Amino acid sequence: MTAVTLAAMSLTACGDDSKPAAGKDGGSKLIVIITPSPDNVFFKAEQQAADAEAKKLGYTTLVLSHDDDPTKQSQEIDTAISRKAAAIILDNAGADSTVTALQKAAKAGIPSFLIDREINQTGIAKAQIVSNNSQGATLGGQEFAKAMDQSGEYFELTGKETDTNAGVRSKGYHSVLDQFPKMKMVAQQSANWDQTEALQKVQTMLQAHPKVKGIIAGNDTMALGAWAALQAAKKTDVIVTGFDGSPDVVSSVLKDGVRATVLQPAAKISQMAVDQADKYIKTGSTGQPEKQSVDCVLVNKDNAAKVSNFSLGS
């Protein structure tokens, strides 16, 4: 299929007409929101928060998912260009592979505002707003070490190699864990942020290292996969921690399953991106630096009951 055909199908599926929404001043009032699959509750929360904030500010929206496929993402950015969108809100499909598509959008006069994941260049997007993954991973590493009593064998599950967050989180974990000589990482593998892959990888790891004491995962989806593998192996005394603050893991924490997670404020970041897009559309400036980070929060048994939809209440 051609990109034009795919774009047309996407628009038909969303029930939108092919004309750009126009504001009273004649400018576009369409904001295109593109994320990975909403099958992951984190990305669904991003979509919902950005969509709600844009509509509150008087925009129409087109919400699309690239499923971590750079080609599909490029086609969806082409759709935004053809629709003459006012702005693109994007959780991207690759730190390097996204650059060319965003350059094309910028050349067409459509500003982009990135959430959750950065790209490997500056000066293309008007904003790159992400969780402070290094700070969050430090919190997660400290909690994991505490739960492990600073000793014992452990596994690490890392995310997609093309996602800069995966490397930042792993580095943050090890900035803490490597300080404890009695803690020994006996296996480290990527499960590509995927629950099923994490389950399978942990099953294999357990065969080679049956005395493992803990598993630290780069996101909550992999943490759930790890916990499922441990339940199947009847090794629920093994400590598991994650990263995201997803509802399923928060629930598991409350039920003495996964030990802890690190909350990323997904809704807040998405709202910030839309607000800055609105300001840029109206004034030509966001008033903020391009690179922005929002601190994460540790979630454990002490505060898990206060977490709802990637937000910590008082």
Foldseek 3Di string as FASTA:
>chain_A
DDLVVVLVVLCVVQVHDLAFDADPVRAGQEEEEEEADVVPVLVVLLQVLLCVLSVVVPGHYRYYYQNLPLVSVLSVLVSCLSNNHQEYEYADSFQASCVVSLQVCVVSVHAYEYEAFHHPDPPRHQAHEHAPLLQLLLVVLVVQCVLVVLAFEEEEEFADPRTVSRVSSVVSNCVRNVVRPRYHYPYYYYQNLALCSLLVVLLVVCVVPVRGQEYEYAAVSSLNSNLVNCVVVVNQNRAYEHEALDPVVLVCLLVSGHFKYKFIQSSVRSSLRSQLSVVCSVPVHSPDHRYHHHYIHIDHNVQSVQDDSSDGDD
